[in-house]
Amino acid sequence: MLYGLQSRVVLQDSICDQYQSQLEAQQEKGQQKKGQLVGNGLPQLPTSDEFTMRVLKFHNAQAAQETTWEVRKVDQENRVTLMKIWKEEESA
């Protein structure tokens, strides 16, 4: 009877240790998310040079993307007008 109780206590102790380690890992993970900006590892109050460089790169990429979209839009408009002219000449 005594051995049965001891084995239960040992088993419960090992299970409690396992749950405690899982809980600590979950809490650490939750604390890490609070200090990140959009999950990319940057702090919420970014003042470092690295963050400002990332912001500048992002803005430059956005500007480049906008110019490419504008160029594509102008090209598409030119194609449409050329197609209209071509169809008019074909029908005439």
N, C-alpha and C. Protein backbone atom coordinates (compact mmCIF):
# COMPACT_ATOMS: atom_id res chain seq x y z
N MET A 1 0.81 -1.18 0.00
CA MET A 1 0.00 0.00 0.00
C MET A 1 0.86 1.26 0.00
N LEU A 2 1.90 1.24 0.75
CA LEU A 2 2.80 2.38 0.82
C LEU A 2 3.50 2.61 -0.51
N TYR A 3 3.86 1.51 -1.19
CA TYR A 3 4.52 1.64 -2.49
C TYR A 3 3.58 2.25 -3.53
N GLY A 4 2.31 1.90 -3.44
CA GLY A 4 1.33 2.44 -4.37
C GLY A 4 1.18 3.94 -4.20
N LEU A 5 1.15 4.40 -2.96
CA LEU A 5 1.04 5.83 -2.70
C LEU A 5 2.29 6.57 -3.18
N GLN A 6 3.44 5.97 -2.92
CA GLN A 6 4.69 6.60 -3.34
C GLN A 6 4.76 6.70 -4.87
N SER A 7 4.33 5.65 -5.54
CA SER A 7 4.37 5.69 -7.00
C SER A 7 3.41 6.74 -7.55
N ARG A 8 2.24 6.91 -6.90
CA ARG A 8 1.30 7.95 -7.32
C ARG A 8 1.90 9.34 -7.13
N VAL A 9 2.55 9.55 -6.01
CA VAL A 9 3.15 10.85 -5.75
C VAL A 9 4.25 11.15 -6.76
N VAL A 10 5.06 10.16 -7.09
CA VAL A 10 6.12 10.35 -8.08
C VAL A 10 5.53 10.64 -9.44
N LEU A 11 4.50 9.92 -9.81
CA LEU A 11 3.84 10.13 -11.09
C LEU A 11 3.19 11.51 -11.15
N GLN A 12 2.49 11.90 -10.09
CA GLN A 12 1.87 13.22 -10.06
C GLN A 12 2.92 14.33 -10.10
N ASP A 13 4.03 14.12 -9.44
CA ASP A 13 5.11 15.12 -9.44
C ASP A 13 5.68 15.29 -10.84
N SER A 14 5.88 14.19 -11.56
CA SER A 14 6.42 14.29 -12.92
C SER A 14 5.42 14.97 -13.85
N ILE A 15 4.13 14.68 -13.69
CA ILE A 15 3.11 15.31 -14.51
C ILE A 15 3.03 16.80 -14.20
N CYS A 16 3.09 17.16 -12.92
CA CYS A 16 3.05 18.58 -12.54
C CYS A 16 4.26 19.32 -13.10
N ASP A 17 5.43 18.71 -13.08
CA ASP A 17 6.62 19.33 -13.66
C ASP A 17 6.44 19.56 -15.16
N GLN A 18 5.86 18.59 -15.82
CA GLN A 18 5.63 18.71 -17.27
C GLN A 18 4.66 19.85 -17.56
N TYR A 19 3.55 19.92 -16.82
CA TYR A 19 2.58 20.99 -17.04
C TYR A 19 3.16 22.36 -16.69
N GLN A 20 3.99 22.40 -15.64
CA GLN A 20 4.59 23.66 -15.24
C GLN A 20 5.54 24.17 -16.33
N SER A 21 6.33 23.28 -16.93
CA SER A 21 7.23 23.70 -17.99
C SER A 21 6.45 24.17 -19.22
N GLN A 22 5.34 23.49 -19.53
CA GLN A 22 4.50 23.92 -20.66
C GLN A 22 3.89 25.29 -20.40
N LEU A 23 3.43 25.52 -19.17
CA LEU A 23 2.84 26.80 -18.81
C LEU A 23 3.88 27.92 -18.87
N GLU A 24 5.09 27.67 -18.39
CA GLU A 24 6.14 28.67 -18.45
C GLU A 24 6.49 29.02 -19.89
N ALA A 25 6.56 28.00 -20.75
CA ALA A 25 6.86 28.24 -22.16
C ALA A 25 5.75 29.07 -22.81
N GLN A 26 4.50 28.78 -22.47
CA GLN A 26 3.38 29.52 -23.03
C GLN A 26 3.39 30.97 -22.55
N GLN A 27 3.72 31.20 -21.29
CA GLN A 27 3.78 32.56 -20.77
C GLN A 27 4.93 33.34 -21.39
N GLU A 28 6.07 32.71 -21.59
CA GLU A 28 7.20 33.38 -22.23
C GLU A 28 6.85 33.75 -23.67
N LYS A 29 6.16 32.87 -24.35
CA LYS A 29 5.75 33.15 -25.72
C LYS A 29 4.80 34.33 -25.76
N GLY A 30 3.88 34.42 -24.81
CA GLY A 30 2.95 35.54 -24.74
C GLY A 30 3.66 36.85 -24.44
N GLN A 31 4.68 36.81 -23.62
CA GLN A 31 5.43 38.02 -23.31
C GLN A 31 6.25 38.48 -24.51
N GLN A 32 6.76 37.57 -25.29
CA GLN A 32 7.53 37.93 -26.46
C GLN A 32 6.65 38.64 -27.48
N LYS A 33 5.43 38.22 -27.65
CA LYS A 33 4.54 38.83 -28.63
C LYS A 33 4.21 40.26 -28.26
N LYS A 34 4.16 40.57 -26.97
CA LYS A 34 3.82 41.92 -26.55
C LYS A 34 4.90 42.91 -26.97
N GLY A 35 6.15 42.50 -27.08
CA GLY A 35 7.23 43.40 -27.42
C GLY A 35 7.56 43.45 -28.89
N GLN A 36 6.74 42.86 -29.73
CA GLN A 36 7.04 42.81 -31.16
C GLN A 36 6.10 43.70 -31.94
N LEU A 37 6.60 44.18 -33.05
CA LEU A 37 5.79 45.00 -33.94
C LEU A 37 5.40 44.15 -35.14
N VAL A 38 4.15 43.78 -35.23
CA VAL A 38 3.58 42.98 -36.31
C VAL A 38 4.33 41.64 -36.46
N GLY A 39 4.82 41.11 -35.38
CA GLY A 39 5.43 39.79 -35.40
C GLY A 39 6.73 39.68 -36.15
N ASN A 40 7.41 40.79 -36.42
CA ASN A 40 8.67 40.69 -37.16
C ASN A 40 9.88 40.88 -36.26
N GLY A 41 9.69 40.84 -34.96
CA GLY A 41 10.80 40.90 -34.04
C GLY A 41 11.23 42.30 -33.65
N LEU A 42 10.57 43.32 -34.14
CA LEU A 42 10.92 44.68 -33.79
C LEU A 42 10.11 45.14 -32.58
N PRO A 43 10.68 45.98 -31.74
CA PRO A 43 9.95 46.46 -30.57
C PRO A 43 8.80 47.38 -30.95
N GLN A 44 7.87 47.58 -30.02
CA GLN A 44 6.72 48.42 -30.32
C GLN A 44 7.10 49.89 -30.37
N LEU A 45 8.09 50.31 -29.62
CA LEU A 45 8.54 51.70 -29.65
C LEU A 45 9.89 51.73 -30.34
N PRO A 46 9.89 51.68 -31.67
CA PRO A 46 11.14 51.58 -32.40
C PRO A 46 11.83 52.93 -32.56
N THR A 47 13.05 53.01 -32.09
CA THR A 47 13.82 54.23 -32.25
C THR A 47 15.21 53.94 -32.80
N SER A 48 15.50 52.70 -33.05
CA SER A 48 16.85 52.34 -33.49
C SER A 48 17.04 52.65 -34.97
N ASP A 49 18.28 52.69 -35.38
CA ASP A 49 18.62 52.94 -36.78
C ASP A 49 18.12 51.81 -37.67
N GLU A 50 18.16 50.59 -37.14
CA GLU A 50 17.69 49.44 -37.93
C GLU A 50 16.23 49.61 -38.32
N PHE A 51 15.41 50.04 -37.37
CA PHE A 51 13.99 50.20 -37.66
C PHE A 51 13.78 51.32 -38.67
N THR A 52 14.47 52.43 -38.50
CA THR A 52 14.29 53.54 -39.45
C THR A 52 14.73 53.14 -40.85
N MET A 53 15.78 52.32 -40.95
CA MET A 53 16.21 51.83 -42.26
C MET A 53 15.15 50.93 -42.86
N ARG A 54 14.55 50.07 -42.04
CA ARG A 54 13.49 49.21 -42.55
C ARG A 54 12.30 50.02 -43.04
N VAL A 55 11.96 51.07 -42.29
CA VAL A 55 10.84 51.92 -42.70
C VAL A 55 11.16 52.60 -44.02
N LEU A 56 12.38 53.13 -44.15
CA LEU A 56 12.77 53.78 -45.40
C LEU A 56 12.74 52.81 -46.58
N LYS A 57 13.24 51.59 -46.36
CA LYS A 57 13.21 50.58 -47.43
C LYS A 57 11.77 50.26 -47.81
N PHE A 58 10.91 50.16 -46.80
CA PHE A 58 9.50 49.87 -47.08
C PHE A 58 8.86 50.98 -47.89
N HIS A 59 9.11 52.22 -47.50
CA HIS A 59 8.53 53.35 -48.23
C HIS A 59 9.08 53.42 -49.65
N ASN A 60 10.36 53.16 -49.81
CA ASN A 60 10.95 53.15 -51.16
C ASN A 60 10.34 52.05 -52.01
N ALA A 61 10.14 50.89 -51.42
CA ALA A 61 9.53 49.78 -52.15
C ALA A 61 8.10 50.13 -52.55
N GLN A 62 7.36 50.77 -51.63
CA GLN A 62 6.00 51.18 -51.94
C GLN A 62 5.98 52.19 -53.08
N ALA A 63 6.90 53.15 -53.06
CA ALA A 63 6.95 54.15 -54.12
C ALA A 63 7.29 53.51 -55.45
N ALA A 64 8.23 52.58 -55.43
CA ALA A 64 8.60 51.88 -56.67
C ALA A 64 7.42 51.08 -57.21
N GLN A 65 6.69 50.44 -56.32
CA GLN A 65 5.54 49.67 -56.75
C GLN A 65 4.46 50.57 -57.34
N GLU A 66 4.26 51.73 -56.74
CA GLU A 66 3.27 52.66 -57.28
C GLU A 66 3.67 53.15 -58.66
N THR A 67 4.95 53.44 -58.87
CA THR A 67 5.38 53.90 -60.19
C THR A 67 5.22 52.80 -61.22
N THR A 68 5.52 51.55 -60.85
CA THR A 68 5.33 50.47 -61.81
C THR A 68 3.85 50.31 -62.15
N TRP A 69 2.97 50.47 -61.15
CA TRP A 69 1.54 50.37 -61.44
C TRP A 69 1.08 51.51 -62.34
N GLU A 70 1.62 52.71 -62.10
CA GLU A 70 1.26 53.84 -62.95
C GLU A 70 1.74 53.63 -64.38
N VAL A 71 2.94 53.10 -64.53
CA VAL A 71 3.48 52.82 -65.87
C VAL A 71 2.62 51.77 -66.56
N ARG A 72 2.24 50.74 -65.83
CA ARG A 72 1.39 49.70 -66.42
C ARG A 72 0.04 50.27 -66.83
N LYS A 73 -0.50 51.15 -66.00
CA LYS A 73 -1.81 51.74 -66.32
C LYS A 73 -1.71 52.59 -67.59
N VAL A 74 -0.65 53.39 -67.71
CA VAL A 74 -0.46 54.22 -68.91
C VAL A 74 -0.28 53.33 -70.13
N ASP A 75 0.52 52.25 -69.99
CA ASP A 75 0.70 51.32 -71.11
C ASP A 75 -0.61 50.69 -71.53
N GLN A 76 -1.42 50.32 -70.56
CA GLN A 76 -2.70 49.70 -70.87
C GLN A 76 -3.62 50.70 -71.59
N GLU A 77 -3.62 51.94 -71.11
CA GLU A 77 -4.44 52.96 -71.78
C GLU A 77 -3.97 53.18 -73.21
N ASN A 78 -2.67 53.21 -73.42
CA ASN A 78 -2.13 53.36 -74.77
C ASN A 78 -2.53 52.19 -75.66
N ARG A 79 -2.47 50.98 -75.11
CA ARG A 79 -2.87 49.80 -75.88
C ARG A 79 -4.33 49.88 -76.27
N VAL A 80 -5.16 50.32 -75.34
CA VAL A 80 -6.60 50.42 -75.62
C VAL A 80 -6.85 51.42 -76.74
N THR A 81 -6.20 52.58 -76.68
CA THR A 81 -6.40 53.58 -77.74
C THR A 81 -5.86 53.08 -79.08
N LEU A 82 -4.72 52.41 -79.06
CA LEU A 82 -4.18 51.85 -80.31
C LEU A 82 -5.11 50.79 -80.89
N MET A 83 -5.69 49.96 -80.02
CA MET A 83 -6.63 48.94 -80.50
C MET A 83 -7.87 49.58 -81.10
N LYS A 84 -8.36 50.65 -80.49
CA LYS A 84 -9.53 51.35 -81.05
C LYS A 84 -9.21 51.92 -82.43
N ILE A 85 -8.03 52.54 -82.55
CA ILE A 85 -7.62 53.10 -83.84
C ILE A 85 -7.49 52.00 -84.87
N TRP A 86 -6.87 50.89 -84.49
CA TRP A 86 -6.67 49.78 -85.41
C TRP A 86 -8.00 49.20 -85.87
N LYS A 87 -8.94 49.01 -84.92
CA LYS A 87 -10.26 48.48 -85.28
C LYS A 87 -11.02 49.44 -86.19
N GLU A 88 -10.90 50.74 -85.95
CA GLU A 88 -11.56 51.71 -86.82
C GLU A 88 -10.98 51.65 -88.24
N GLU A 89 -9.66 51.52 -88.33
CA GLU A 89 -9.03 51.44 -89.65
C GLU A 89 -9.40 50.14 -90.36
N GLU A 90 -9.54 49.06 -89.62
CA GLU A 90 -9.92 47.77 -90.21
C GLU A 90 -11.36 47.81 -90.71
N SER A 91 -12.22 48.44 -89.97
CA SER A 91 -13.63 48.47 -90.38
C SER A 91 -13.85 49.45 -91.54
N ALA A 92 -12.97 50.42 -91.70
CA ALA A 92 -13.16 51.41 -92.77
C ALA A 92 -12.69 50.93 -94.10
